[in-house]
């Protein structure tokens, strides 16, 4: 006589094995498809940790410095061995703590932007390395705006000579107690 309970306890049925293999195979297929798609996106959109993440970081700091510009003509021609040009911006800025500082933006070195902030003769450096080639063709200039202080014009071209960055940044309005409507209208 054959004991049927022993036969059933020996292992899995063929159907149970097939279903287990199908579920495991589906899991592996999804895993391989996601890995292949991730590898494709990594090749299409590479991330280089040695490059500066965004041009916007430089433009944001520059915008803050220009908006905090001090006086009716905050742009200096020379300061601490730097001479203002289309690649160097020298601006006098008011800081939140109440101090007045002179800030030099230097775009002359390819792939690097330097910001030197002078507080009573002591320099503080901020350097953005690995900048894209767009900033190598960047030009900075001060333009006159009617009835207000000078503004900063930033123009950047890409490798093909197309306009990539164009911003005009205006300093915040400052209170001039001696200003009259006639003197503001007479400002070139």
N, C-alpha and C. Protein backbone atom coordinates (compact mmCIF):
# COMPACT_ATOMS: atom_id res chain seq x y z
N UNK A 1 0.81 -1.15 0.00
CA UNK A 1 0.00 0.00 0.00
C UNK A 1 0.89 1.26 0.00
N UNK A 2 0.53 2.24 -0.78
CA UNK A 2 1.31 3.46 -0.98
C UNK A 2 0.71 4.58 -0.12
N UNK A 3 1.59 5.23 0.62
CA UNK A 3 1.15 6.33 1.46
C UNK A 3 1.13 7.61 0.62
N UNK A 4 -0.03 8.16 0.32
CA UNK A 4 -0.16 9.33 -0.56
C UNK A 4 0.30 10.62 0.12
N UNK A 5 0.23 10.70 1.39
CA UNK A 5 0.68 11.92 2.06
C UNK A 5 2.19 12.11 1.93
N UNK A 6 2.96 11.03 1.83
CA UNK A 6 4.40 11.15 1.64
C UNK A 6 4.72 11.63 0.24
N UNK A 7 3.95 11.23 -0.76
CA UNK A 7 4.20 11.65 -2.14
C UNK A 7 3.94 13.14 -2.31
N UNK A 8 2.96 13.65 -1.67
CA UNK A 8 2.65 15.07 -1.78
C UNK A 8 3.69 15.94 -1.06
N UNK A 9 4.34 15.48 -0.10
CA UNK A 9 5.30 16.25 0.67
C UNK A 9 6.69 16.25 0.06
N UNK A 10 6.92 15.58 -1.05
CA UNK A 10 8.26 15.49 -1.62
C UNK A 10 8.73 16.78 -2.28
N UNK A 11 7.88 17.63 -2.86
CA UNK A 11 8.34 18.84 -3.54
C UNK A 11 7.20 19.62 -4.14
N UNK A 12 7.59 20.53 -5.07
CA UNK A 12 6.61 21.40 -5.70
C UNK A 12 6.08 20.73 -6.96
N UNK A 13 4.90 21.16 -7.35
CA UNK A 13 4.35 20.66 -8.61
C UNK A 13 4.97 21.45 -9.75
N UNK A 14 4.79 20.95 -10.94
CA UNK A 14 5.34 21.61 -12.13
C UNK A 14 4.72 22.99 -12.32
N UNK A 15 3.45 23.14 -12.05
CA UNK A 15 2.76 24.43 -12.18
C UNK A 15 3.33 25.46 -11.20
N UNK A 16 3.60 25.07 -9.97
CA UNK A 16 4.17 25.98 -8.98
C UNK A 16 5.56 26.45 -9.40
N UNK A 17 6.35 25.57 -9.93
CA UNK A 17 7.69 25.93 -10.39
C UNK A 17 7.61 26.89 -11.57
N UNK A 18 6.72 26.64 -12.52
CA UNK A 18 6.57 27.51 -13.69
C UNK A 18 6.12 28.92 -13.29
N UNK A 19 5.18 29.01 -12.38
CA UNK A 19 4.71 30.33 -11.94
C UNK A 19 5.82 31.07 -11.20
N UNK A 20 6.56 30.39 -10.34
CA UNK A 20 7.67 31.02 -9.62
C UNK A 20 8.74 31.53 -10.60
N UNK A 21 9.04 30.71 -11.61
CA UNK A 21 10.03 31.12 -12.61
C UNK A 21 9.53 32.30 -13.44
N UNK A 22 8.25 32.34 -13.76
CA UNK A 22 7.68 33.45 -14.53
C UNK A 22 7.74 34.76 -13.74
N UNK A 23 7.40 34.71 -12.45
CA UNK A 23 7.47 35.92 -11.60
C UNK A 23 8.91 36.38 -11.47
N UNK A 24 9.84 35.47 -11.22
CA UNK A 24 11.25 35.84 -11.11
C UNK A 24 11.79 36.37 -12.44
N UNK A 25 11.40 35.77 -13.55
CA UNK A 25 11.83 36.24 -14.87
C UNK A 25 11.29 37.62 -15.17
N UNK A 26 10.06 37.91 -14.80
CA UNK A 26 9.48 39.25 -14.99
C UNK A 26 10.24 40.28 -14.15
N UNK A 27 10.55 39.93 -12.92
CA UNK A 27 11.33 40.83 -12.06
C UNK A 27 12.69 41.12 -12.68
N UNK A 28 13.38 40.10 -13.19
CA UNK A 28 14.69 40.31 -13.83
C UNK A 28 14.56 41.14 -15.09
N UNK A 29 13.52 40.91 -15.89
CA UNK A 29 13.33 41.68 -17.12
C UNK A 29 13.13 43.16 -16.81
N UNK A 30 12.30 43.47 -15.82
CA UNK A 30 12.09 44.87 -15.42
C UNK A 30 13.39 45.47 -14.93
N UNK A 31 14.16 44.76 -14.14
CA UNK A 31 15.43 45.25 -13.64
C UNK A 31 16.41 45.55 -14.78
N UNK A 32 16.53 44.64 -15.76
CA UNK A 32 17.44 44.86 -16.88
C UNK A 32 16.97 46.01 -17.79
N UNK A 33 15.68 46.13 -17.99
CA UNK A 33 15.16 47.23 -18.81
C UNK A 33 15.45 48.57 -18.15
N UNK A 34 15.20 48.66 -16.85
CA UNK A 34 15.49 49.92 -16.13
C UNK A 34 16.99 50.24 -16.13
N UNK A 35 17.83 49.24 -15.97
CA UNK A 35 19.28 49.46 -16.00
C UNK A 35 19.73 49.94 -17.37
N UNK A 36 19.20 49.34 -18.44
CA UNK A 36 19.57 49.76 -19.79
C UNK A 36 19.09 51.18 -20.08
N UNK A 37 17.89 51.51 -19.62
CA UNK A 37 17.38 52.87 -19.83
C UNK A 37 18.20 53.88 -19.03
N UNK A 38 18.57 53.54 -17.81
CA UNK A 38 19.40 54.43 -17.00
C UNK A 38 20.77 54.65 -17.64
N UNK A 39 21.35 53.60 -18.19
CA UNK A 39 22.63 53.72 -18.87
C UNK A 39 22.51 54.61 -20.11
N UNK A 40 21.41 54.48 -20.83
CA UNK A 40 21.19 55.33 -22.00
C UNK A 40 21.07 56.80 -21.65
N UNK A 41 20.32 57.09 -20.57
CA UNK A 41 20.19 58.49 -20.13
C UNK A 41 21.53 59.02 -19.60
N UNK A 42 22.32 58.17 -18.98
CA UNK A 42 23.62 58.60 -18.48
C UNK A 42 24.55 58.98 -19.62
N UNK A 43 24.46 58.26 -20.73
CA UNK A 43 25.27 58.60 -21.90
C UNK A 43 24.74 59.86 -22.59
N UNK A 44 23.42 60.01 -22.60
CA UNK A 44 22.81 61.15 -23.28
C UNK A 44 22.98 62.44 -22.49
N UNK A 45 22.87 62.36 -21.17
CA UNK A 45 22.99 63.54 -20.30
C UNK A 45 24.05 63.28 -19.23
N UNK A 46 25.32 63.35 -19.60
CA UNK A 46 26.36 63.03 -18.61
C UNK A 46 26.46 64.10 -17.52
N UNK A 47 26.85 63.68 -16.35
CA UNK A 47 27.07 64.58 -15.23
C UNK A 47 28.55 64.57 -14.92
N UNK A 48 29.17 65.73 -15.04
CA UNK A 48 30.59 65.86 -14.74
C UNK A 48 30.71 66.63 -13.44
N UNK A 49 31.15 65.99 -12.39
CA UNK A 49 31.21 66.62 -11.08
C UNK A 49 32.29 67.69 -10.99
N UNK A 50 33.17 67.78 -11.97
CA UNK A 50 34.24 68.77 -11.94
C UNK A 50 33.82 70.08 -12.60
N UNK A 51 32.66 70.14 -13.19
CA UNK A 51 32.20 71.36 -13.83
C UNK A 51 31.27 72.11 -12.89
N UNK A 52 31.26 73.42 -13.05
CA UNK A 52 30.36 74.24 -12.27
C UNK A 52 28.93 73.94 -12.70
N UNK A 53 28.01 73.72 -11.77
CA UNK A 53 26.70 73.22 -12.16
C UNK A 53 25.89 74.14 -13.06
N UNK A 54 25.93 75.43 -12.82
CA UNK A 54 25.08 76.30 -13.61
C UNK A 54 25.68 77.69 -13.74
N UNK A 55 25.44 78.27 -14.89
CA UNK A 55 25.84 79.66 -15.11
C UNK A 55 24.99 80.56 -14.22
N UNK A 56 23.81 80.10 -13.88
CA UNK A 56 22.90 80.89 -13.06
C UNK A 56 23.50 81.24 -11.70
N UNK A 57 24.38 80.41 -11.16
CA UNK A 57 25.00 80.71 -9.87
C UNK A 57 25.86 81.96 -9.97
N UNK A 58 26.64 82.05 -11.04
CA UNK A 58 27.48 83.24 -11.24
C UNK A 58 26.61 84.46 -11.48
N UNK A 59 25.59 84.31 -12.33
CA UNK A 59 24.72 85.44 -12.64
C UNK A 59 23.93 85.89 -11.42
N UNK A 60 23.57 84.97 -10.53
CA UNK A 60 22.84 85.34 -9.32
C UNK A 60 23.71 86.16 -8.39
N UNK A 61 24.96 85.74 -8.19
CA UNK A 61 25.87 86.53 -7.35
C UNK A 61 26.16 87.89 -7.98
N UNK A 62 26.34 87.90 -9.28
CA UNK A 62 26.60 89.16 -9.98
C UNK A 62 25.39 90.08 -9.87
N UNK A 63 24.19 89.53 -10.00
CA UNK A 63 22.97 90.33 -9.88
C UNK A 63 22.85 90.92 -8.48
N UNK A 64 23.16 90.13 -7.46
CA UNK A 64 23.09 90.63 -6.09
C UNK A 64 24.06 91.78 -5.89
N UNK A 65 25.28 91.64 -6.41
CA UNK A 65 26.27 92.70 -6.26
C UNK A 65 25.86 93.98 -6.99
N UNK A 66 25.29 93.82 -8.18
CA UNK A 66 24.87 95.01 -8.94
C UNK A 66 23.67 95.67 -8.27
N UNK A 67 22.73 94.85 -7.79
CA UNK A 67 21.54 95.44 -7.16
C UNK A 67 21.89 96.16 -5.86
N UNK A 68 22.95 95.74 -5.18
CA UNK A 68 23.39 96.40 -3.96
C UNK A 68 24.41 97.51 -4.22
N UNK A 69 24.54 97.92 -5.49
CA UNK A 69 25.52 98.96 -5.85
C UNK A 69 25.23 100.23 -5.08
N UNK A 70 26.29 100.96 -4.79
CA UNK A 70 26.23 102.11 -3.90
C UNK A 70 26.54 103.39 -4.67
N UNK A 71 25.67 104.38 -4.57
CA UNK A 71 25.93 105.69 -5.16
C UNK A 71 25.36 105.83 -6.56
N UNK A 72 25.51 107.04 -7.11
CA UNK A 72 24.97 107.30 -8.45
C UNK A 72 25.87 106.72 -9.55
N UNK A 73 27.15 106.54 -9.27
CA UNK A 73 28.06 105.90 -10.21
C UNK A 73 28.91 104.89 -9.44
N UNK A 74 28.39 103.69 -9.22
CA UNK A 74 29.10 102.72 -8.38
C UNK A 74 30.25 102.00 -9.10
N UNK A 75 30.40 102.24 -10.38
CA UNK A 75 31.41 101.52 -11.15
C UNK A 75 32.72 102.28 -11.13
N UNK A 76 33.79 101.59 -10.74
CA UNK A 76 35.11 102.21 -10.67
C UNK A 76 35.93 101.80 -11.89
N UNK A 77 36.83 102.67 -12.30
CA UNK A 77 37.71 102.38 -13.44
C UNK A 77 38.90 101.52 -13.03
N UNK A 78 39.45 101.78 -11.82
CA UNK A 78 40.61 101.03 -11.34
C UNK A 78 40.46 100.78 -9.85
N UNK A 79 40.95 99.61 -9.44
CA UNK A 79 40.96 99.30 -8.01
C UNK A 79 41.89 98.12 -7.79
N UNK A 80 42.81 98.26 -6.85
CA UNK A 80 43.71 97.19 -6.39
C UNK A 80 44.41 96.47 -7.55
N UNK A 81 44.85 97.21 -8.52
CA UNK A 81 45.57 96.61 -9.64
C UNK A 81 44.68 96.11 -10.77
N UNK A 82 43.38 96.17 -10.61
CA UNK A 82 42.44 95.78 -11.67
C UNK A 82 41.99 97.02 -12.44
N UNK A 83 41.83 96.88 -13.72
CA UNK A 83 41.32 97.95 -14.57
C UNK A 83 40.02 97.46 -15.22
N UNK A 84 38.98 98.26 -15.12
CA UNK A 84 37.68 97.87 -15.68
C UNK A 84 37.78 97.72 -17.19
N UNK A 85 37.17 96.67 -17.71
CA UNK A 85 37.13 96.43 -19.15
C UNK A 85 35.87 95.64 -19.45
N UNK A 86 35.77 95.11 -20.67
CA UNK A 86 34.60 94.31 -21.00
C UNK A 86 34.67 92.92 -20.39
N UNK A 87 35.78 92.56 -19.76
CA UNK A 87 35.95 91.27 -19.08
C UNK A 87 36.14 91.42 -17.57
N UNK A 88 36.23 92.66 -17.08
CA UNK A 88 36.42 92.93 -15.65
C UNK A 88 35.41 94.00 -15.22
N UNK A 89 34.67 93.70 -14.16
CA UNK A 89 33.70 94.64 -13.61
C UNK A 89 34.12 94.98 -12.19
N UNK A 90 34.20 96.27 -11.90
CA UNK A 90 34.54 96.74 -10.55
C UNK A 90 33.35 97.55 -10.06
N UNK A 91 32.73 97.10 -8.97
CA UNK A 91 31.53 97.76 -8.47
C UNK A 91 31.65 97.96 -6.96
N UNK A 92 31.15 99.09 -6.48
CA UNK A 92 31.11 99.37 -5.05
C UNK A 92 29.72 99.00 -4.56
N UNK A 93 29.66 98.17 -3.52
CA UNK A 93 28.40 97.58 -3.10
C UNK A 93 28.17 97.78 -1.61
N UNK A 94 26.90 97.95 -1.24
CA UNK A 94 26.51 98.05 0.17
C UNK A 94 26.10 96.66 0.63
N UNK A 95 26.63 96.23 1.75
CA UNK A 95 26.35 94.90 2.28
C UNK A 95 25.22 94.96 3.30
N UNK A 96 24.55 93.84 3.55
CA UNK A 96 23.44 93.84 4.51
C UNK A 96 23.84 94.29 5.92
N UNK A 97 25.09 94.07 6.30
CA UNK A 97 25.54 94.48 7.64
C UNK A 97 25.86 95.96 7.71
N UNK A 98 25.71 96.68 6.61
CA UNK A 98 25.91 98.12 6.61
C UNK A 98 27.24 98.57 6.05
N UNK A 99 28.16 97.67 5.77
CA UNK A 99 29.45 98.07 5.24
C UNK A 99 29.43 98.28 3.73
N UNK A 100 30.37 99.09 3.26
CA UNK A 100 30.52 99.31 1.83
C UNK A 100 31.75 98.54 1.38
N UNK A 101 31.59 97.72 0.35
CA UNK A 101 32.69 96.91 -0.14
C UNK A 101 32.86 97.12 -1.63
N UNK A 102 34.09 96.92 -2.07
CA UNK A 102 34.39 96.98 -3.50
C UNK A 102 34.55 95.56 -4.00
N UNK A 103 33.85 95.23 -5.08
CA UNK A 103 33.84 93.87 -5.61
C UNK A 103 34.36 93.90 -7.03
N UNK A 104 35.29 92.99 -7.33
CA UNK A 104 35.88 92.86 -8.66
C UNK A 104 35.46 91.52 -9.24
N UNK A 105 34.81 91.57 -10.41
CA UNK A 105 34.45 90.36 -11.15
C UNK A 105 35.42 90.23 -12.31
N UNK A 106 36.11 89.10 -12.39
CA UNK A 106 37.14 88.89 -13.41
C UNK A 106 36.76 87.67 -14.26
N UNK A 107 36.47 87.92 -15.54
CA UNK A 107 36.11 86.86 -16.49
C UNK A 107 37.23 86.58 -17.49
N UNK A 108 38.45 87.05 -17.22
CA UNK A 108 39.54 86.94 -18.20
C UNK A 108 40.08 85.53 -18.35
N UNK A 109 40.10 84.73 -17.30
CA UNK A 109 40.65 83.37 -17.38
C UNK A 109 39.61 82.44 -17.99
N UNK A 110 39.94 81.73 -19.08
CA UNK A 110 38.95 80.84 -19.70
C UNK A 110 38.49 79.73 -18.75
N UNK A 111 37.18 79.55 -18.66
CA UNK A 111 36.62 78.50 -17.83
C UNK A 111 36.57 78.81 -16.35
N UNK A 112 37.00 80.00 -15.95
CA UNK A 112 37.04 80.38 -14.54
C UNK A 112 36.51 81.79 -14.37
N UNK A 113 35.70 81.98 -13.35
CA UNK A 113 35.20 83.31 -12.99
C UNK A 113 35.67 83.59 -11.58
N UNK A 114 36.28 84.74 -11.39
CA UNK A 114 36.78 85.12 -10.07
C UNK A 114 36.01 86.33 -9.55
N UNK A 115 35.66 86.26 -8.27
CA UNK A 115 35.01 87.38 -7.59
C UNK A 115 35.86 87.72 -6.37
N UNK A 116 36.41 88.92 -6.36
CA UNK A 116 37.22 89.38 -5.21
C UNK A 116 36.46 90.50 -4.53
N UNK A 117 36.23 90.31 -3.25
CA UNK A 117 35.50 91.30 -2.46
C UNK A 117 36.47 91.92 -1.47
N UNK A 118 36.58 93.24 -1.52
CA UNK A 118 37.50 93.96 -0.65
C UNK A 118 36.72 94.68 0.44
N UNK A 119 37.07 94.36 1.70
CA UNK A 119 36.47 95.02 2.85
C UNK A 119 37.61 95.64 3.64
N UNK A 120 37.75 96.93 3.59
CA UNK A 120 38.81 97.68 4.26
C UNK A 120 40.17 97.11 3.87
N UNK A 121 40.35 96.82 2.60
CA UNK A 121 41.63 96.35 2.09
C UNK A 121 41.87 94.85 2.17
N UNK A 122 41.01 94.12 2.87
CA UNK A 122 41.17 92.68 3.00
C UNK A 122 40.33 92.00 1.93
N UNK A 123 40.98 91.16 1.12
CA UNK A 123 40.29 90.52 -0.01
C UNK A 123 39.73 89.16 0.38
N UNK A 124 38.52 88.88 -0.12
CA UNK A 124 37.89 87.58 0.01
C UNK A 124 37.64 87.07 -1.40
N UNK A 125 38.04 85.82 -1.67
CA UNK A 125 37.92 85.27 -3.02
C UNK A 125 36.78 84.27 -3.12
N UNK A 126 36.12 84.28 -4.26
CA UNK A 126 35.15 83.24 -4.63
C UNK A 126 35.46 82.90 -6.08
N UNK A 127 35.71 81.63 -6.36
CA UNK A 127 36.11 81.21 -7.70
C UNK A 127 35.14 80.14 -8.19
N UNK A 128 34.64 80.32 -9.41
CA UNK A 128 33.82 79.31 -10.08
C UNK A 128 34.67 78.71 -11.19
N UNK A 129 35.08 77.45 -11.00
CA UNK A 129 35.93 76.78 -11.99
C UNK A 129 35.10 75.86 -12.87
N UNK A 130 35.62 75.51 -14.03
CA UNK A 130 34.94 74.59 -14.92
C UNK A 130 33.70 75.18 -15.55
N UNK A 131 33.70 76.50 -15.74
CA UNK A 131 32.53 77.15 -16.34
C UNK A 131 32.42 76.76 -17.81
N UNK A 132 31.20 76.72 -18.34
CA UNK A 132 31.03 76.38 -19.75
C UNK A 132 31.67 77.42 -20.66
N UNK A 133 31.83 77.04 -21.90
CA UNK A 133 32.48 77.93 -22.86
C UNK A 133 31.65 79.17 -23.15
N UNK A 134 30.36 79.16 -22.79
CA UNK A 134 29.51 80.33 -23.02
C UNK A 134 30.07 81.57 -22.34
N UNK A 135 30.66 81.38 -21.16
CA UNK A 135 31.15 82.53 -20.42
C UNK A 135 32.50 83.02 -20.92
N UNK A 136 33.18 82.25 -21.75
CA UNK A 136 34.46 82.71 -22.28
C UNK A 136 34.25 83.87 -23.24
N UNK A 137 33.08 83.96 -23.85
CA UNK A 137 32.78 85.04 -24.77
C UNK A 137 31.90 86.11 -24.12
N UNK A 138 31.89 86.17 -22.80
CA UNK A 138 31.02 87.08 -22.08
C UNK A 138 31.61 88.48 -22.04
N UNK A 139 30.75 89.47 -22.22
CA UNK A 139 31.15 90.87 -22.17
C UNK A 139 30.32 91.57 -21.10
N UNK A 140 30.97 92.41 -20.31
CA UNK A 140 30.30 93.16 -19.26
C UNK A 140 30.51 94.63 -19.53
N UNK A 141 29.46 95.40 -19.41
CA UNK A 141 29.59 96.84 -19.62
C UNK A 141 28.60 97.60 -18.77
N UNK A 142 28.90 98.85 -18.54
CA UNK A 142 28.00 99.73 -17.81
C UNK A 142 27.29 100.61 -18.83
N UNK A 143 25.97 100.64 -18.73
CA UNK A 143 25.20 101.48 -19.66
C UNK A 143 24.42 102.49 -18.84
N UNK A 144 24.20 103.65 -19.43
CA UNK A 144 23.48 104.71 -18.76
C UNK A 144 21.99 104.54 -19.01
N UNK A 145 21.20 104.69 -17.94
CA UNK A 145 19.76 104.63 -18.07
C UNK A 145 19.20 106.00 -17.73
N UNK A 146 18.18 106.40 -18.43
CA UNK A 146 17.62 107.74 -18.24
C UNK A 146 16.96 107.85 -16.87
N UNK A 147 17.37 108.84 -16.13
CA UNK A 147 16.75 109.14 -14.86
C UNK A 147 17.13 108.21 -13.73
N UNK A 148 18.15 107.40 -13.90
CA UNK A 148 18.55 106.49 -12.83
C UNK A 148 20.06 106.31 -12.87
N UNK A 149 20.54 105.47 -11.99
CA UNK A 149 21.98 105.20 -11.95
C UNK A 149 22.37 104.34 -13.15
N UNK A 150 23.63 104.09 -13.25
CA UNK A 150 24.14 103.24 -14.31
C UNK A 150 23.69 101.81 -14.11
N UNK A 151 23.52 101.09 -15.20
CA UNK A 151 23.13 99.69 -15.14
C UNK A 151 24.26 98.84 -15.71
N UNK A 152 24.22 97.55 -15.42
CA UNK A 152 25.22 96.62 -15.93
C UNK A 152 24.59 95.79 -17.03
N UNK A 153 25.27 95.74 -18.16
CA UNK A 153 24.81 94.95 -19.30
C UNK A 153 25.73 93.74 -19.45
N UNK A 154 25.14 92.55 -19.46
CA UNK A 154 25.91 91.32 -19.59
C UNK A 154 25.48 90.64 -20.88
N UNK A 155 26.46 90.37 -21.74
CA UNK A 155 26.19 89.74 -23.02
C UNK A 155 27.12 88.54 -23.15
N UNK A 156 26.56 87.39 -23.45
CA UNK A 156 27.36 86.18 -23.62
C UNK A 156 26.97 85.47 -24.90
N UNK A 157 27.95 84.98 -25.62
CA UNK A 157 27.72 84.28 -26.89
C UNK A 157 28.20 82.84 -26.77
N UNK A 158 27.51 81.94 -27.45
CA UNK A 158 27.93 80.55 -27.43
C UNK A 158 29.03 80.30 -28.45
N UNK A 159 29.42 79.04 -28.63
CA UNK A 159 30.52 78.70 -29.53
C UNK A 159 30.21 79.02 -30.99
N UNK A 160 28.94 79.08 -31.34
CA UNK A 160 28.54 79.34 -32.72
C UNK A 160 28.29 80.82 -32.98
N UNK A 161 28.55 81.67 -31.99
CA UNK A 161 28.38 83.10 -32.17
C UNK A 161 26.95 83.58 -31.95
N UNK A 162 26.08 82.72 -31.45
CA UNK A 162 24.70 83.10 -31.18
C UNK A 162 24.59 83.67 -29.77
N UNK A 163 23.68 84.60 -29.59
CA UNK A 163 23.46 85.23 -28.30
C UNK A 163 22.89 84.21 -27.32
N UNK A 164 23.60 83.96 -26.21
CA UNK A 164 23.16 82.98 -25.22
C UNK A 164 22.69 83.66 -23.93
N UNK A 165 23.34 84.76 -23.54
CA UNK A 165 22.99 85.48 -22.32
C UNK A 165 22.91 86.96 -22.65
N UNK A 166 21.81 87.58 -22.29
CA UNK A 166 21.70 89.03 -22.39
C UNK A 166 20.87 89.50 -21.21
N UNK A 167 21.50 90.21 -20.29
CA UNK A 167 20.80 90.74 -19.13
C UNK A 167 21.25 92.16 -18.87
N UNK A 168 20.30 92.99 -18.49
CA UNK A 168 20.60 94.34 -18.03
C UNK A 168 20.15 94.38 -16.58
N UNK A 169 21.12 94.62 -15.70
CA UNK A 169 20.83 94.62 -14.27
C UNK A 169 20.91 96.06 -13.75
N UNK A 170 19.86 96.48 -13.10
CA UNK A 170 19.75 97.84 -12.58
C UNK A 170 19.96 97.84 -11.09
N UNK A 171 20.82 98.72 -10.55
CA UNK A 171 20.96 98.81 -9.09
C UNK A 171 19.64 99.25 -8.45
N UNK A 172 19.46 98.86 -7.21
CA UNK A 172 18.26 99.29 -6.49
C UNK A 172 18.25 100.79 -6.36
N UNK A 173 17.06 101.35 -6.30
CA UNK A 173 16.94 102.80 -6.14
C UNK A 173 17.43 103.18 -4.76
N UNK A 174 18.24 104.23 -4.72
CA UNK A 174 18.72 104.74 -3.44
C UNK A 174 18.09 106.10 -3.20
N UNK A 175 17.95 106.46 -1.97
CA UNK A 175 17.35 107.74 -1.64
C UNK A 175 18.42 108.81 -1.71
N UNK A 176 18.20 109.77 -2.60
CA UNK A 176 19.10 110.92 -2.72
C UNK A 176 18.32 112.13 -2.23
N UNK A 177 18.69 112.65 -1.06
CA UNK A 177 17.95 113.76 -0.47
C UNK A 177 18.07 115.04 -1.26
N UNK A 178 19.11 115.17 -2.08
CA UNK A 178 19.32 116.39 -2.86
C UNK A 178 18.71 116.30 -4.25
N UNK A 179 18.11 115.16 -4.60
CA UNK A 179 17.58 114.99 -5.94
C UNK A 179 16.28 115.75 -6.12
N UNK A 180 16.16 116.39 -7.26
CA UNK A 180 14.92 117.09 -7.64
C UNK A 180 14.43 116.48 -8.94
N UNK A 181 13.16 116.65 -9.27
CA UNK A 181 12.70 116.12 -10.55
C UNK A 181 13.48 116.66 -11.73
N UNK A 182 13.94 117.92 -11.65
CA UNK A 182 14.72 118.51 -12.74
C UNK A 182 16.08 117.84 -12.87
N UNK A 183 16.73 117.54 -11.72
CA UNK A 183 18.05 116.91 -11.79
C UNK A 183 17.94 115.46 -12.27
N UNK A 184 16.86 114.78 -11.93
CA UNK A 184 16.68 113.42 -12.42
C UNK A 184 16.41 113.42 -13.91
N UNK A 185 15.59 114.35 -14.39
CA UNK A 185 15.30 114.43 -15.81
C UNK A 185 16.52 114.85 -16.62
N UNK A 186 17.42 115.61 -15.99
CA UNK A 186 18.62 116.08 -16.71
C UNK A 186 19.71 115.01 -16.76
N UNK A 187 19.56 113.93 -16.01
CA UNK A 187 20.57 112.88 -16.02
C UNK A 187 20.58 112.20 -17.38
N UNK A 188 21.78 112.07 -18.01
CA UNK A 188 21.82 111.46 -19.35
C UNK A 188 21.53 110.00 -19.32
